[in-house]
Amino acid sequence: MHDVVMDDLAVQVLDALPDDDARTEVLDLLERVQRSPRSFPDVREIVGAEVHEAFGHFCWMRYAVHEGAVEVCDIGWLN
């Protein structure tokens, strides 16, 4: 399993989610990302680095893969 590093914006967004169910969905998606970070679409051509996007039912996550770590860059929630 990879380590996870969340930048300040991702932490703020996680804290601002509407309820525990939303946080659980985001954390479940994060767990899936940790297990297999490169299995999600690579959008590097858009941002110029190895960046991937993963989607849950109501959430999405943009993250970078580094040697042994997953850096969460942004989290979104559909209202």
Protein backbone atom coordinates (compact mmCIF):
# COMPACT_ATOMS: atom_id res chain seq x y z
CA MET A 1 0.00 0.00 0.00
CA HIS A 2 1.22 3.51 -0.79
CA ASP A 3 1.54 6.32 1.72
CA VAL A 4 -0.87 9.21 1.23
CA VAL A 5 0.04 12.88 1.39
CA MET A 6 -2.82 15.38 1.30
CA ASP A 7 -2.10 19.01 0.57
CA ASP A 8 -3.85 21.76 2.53
CA LEU A 9 -6.61 22.29 -0.04
CA ALA A 10 -7.53 18.59 -0.05
CA VAL A 11 -7.65 18.53 3.76
CA GLN A 12 -9.87 21.63 3.80
CA VAL A 13 -12.24 20.12 1.24
CA LEU A 14 -12.41 16.84 3.17
CA ASP A 15 -13.25 18.77 6.34
CA ALA A 16 -15.91 20.76 4.49
CA LEU A 17 -17.82 17.74 3.15
CA PRO A 18 -21.49 17.79 4.17
CA ASP A 19 -21.52 14.76 6.48
CA ASP A 20 -19.85 11.54 7.58
CA ASP A 21 -21.34 9.60 4.63
CA ALA A 22 -19.59 11.98 2.23
CA ARG A 23 -16.28 11.67 4.09
CA THR A 24 -16.67 7.87 4.09
CA GLU A 25 -17.18 7.83 0.31
CA VAL A 26 -14.11 10.00 -0.26
CA LEU A 27 -12.00 7.88 2.11
CA ASP A 28 -13.21 4.69 0.39
CA LEU A 29 -12.15 6.13 -2.96
CA LEU A 30 -8.81 7.09 -1.45
CA GLU A 31 -8.37 3.50 -0.24
CA ARG A 32 -9.01 2.21 -3.78
CA VAL A 33 -6.48 4.71 -5.12
CA GLN A 34 -3.90 3.60 -2.55
CA ARG A 35 -4.25 -0.06 -3.55
CA SER A 36 -3.78 0.60 -7.26
CA PRO A 37 -2.90 4.23 -7.99
CA ARG A 38 -1.99 3.78 -11.64
CA SER A 39 -5.20 1.96 -12.55
CA PHE A 40 -7.12 5.24 -12.82
CA PRO A 41 -6.94 7.50 -15.90
CA ASP A 42 -3.71 9.40 -16.33
CA VAL A 43 -4.45 13.00 -17.28
CA ARG A 44 -0.83 14.15 -17.56
CA GLU A 45 -1.44 15.58 -21.01
CA ILE A 46 -3.76 18.10 -19.36
CA VAL A 47 -1.53 19.13 -16.46
CA GLY A 48 1.95 18.05 -17.59
CA ALA A 49 2.84 15.63 -14.77
CA GLU A 50 1.83 12.11 -13.75
CA VAL A 51 -1.58 13.03 -12.43
CA HIS A 52 -4.56 10.70 -12.24
CA GLU A 53 -8.27 11.18 -11.62
CA ALA A 54 -10.55 8.78 -9.77
CA PHE A 55 -14.32 8.98 -9.39
CA GLY A 56 -16.80 7.70 -6.82
CA HIS A 57 -20.59 7.99 -6.95
CA PHE A 58 -20.62 11.57 -5.69
CA CYS A 59 -16.94 12.47 -5.43
CA TRP A 60 -13.80 12.75 -7.51
CA MET A 61 -10.13 13.02 -6.69
CA ARG A 62 -7.09 14.28 -8.60
CA TYR A 63 -3.79 12.92 -7.36
CA ALA A 64 -0.13 12.52 -8.27
CA VAL A 65 1.84 9.31 -7.95
CA HIS A 66 5.33 9.58 -6.51
CA GLU A 67 7.73 6.83 -5.57
CA GLY A 68 5.90 5.02 -2.77
CA ALA A 69 3.37 7.80 -2.18
CA VAL A 70 0.07 9.15 -3.46
CA GLU A 71 -0.31 12.93 -3.19
CA VAL A 72 -3.94 14.03 -3.17
CA CYS A 73 -4.08 17.36 -4.98
CA ASP A 74 -7.80 18.03 -5.02
CA ILE A 75 -11.09 16.47 -3.92
CA GLY A 76 -14.52 17.37 -5.20
CA TRP A 77 -18.06 16.57 -4.09
CA LEU A 78 -21.18 16.75 -6.24
CA ASN A 79 -24.05 18.45 -4.44
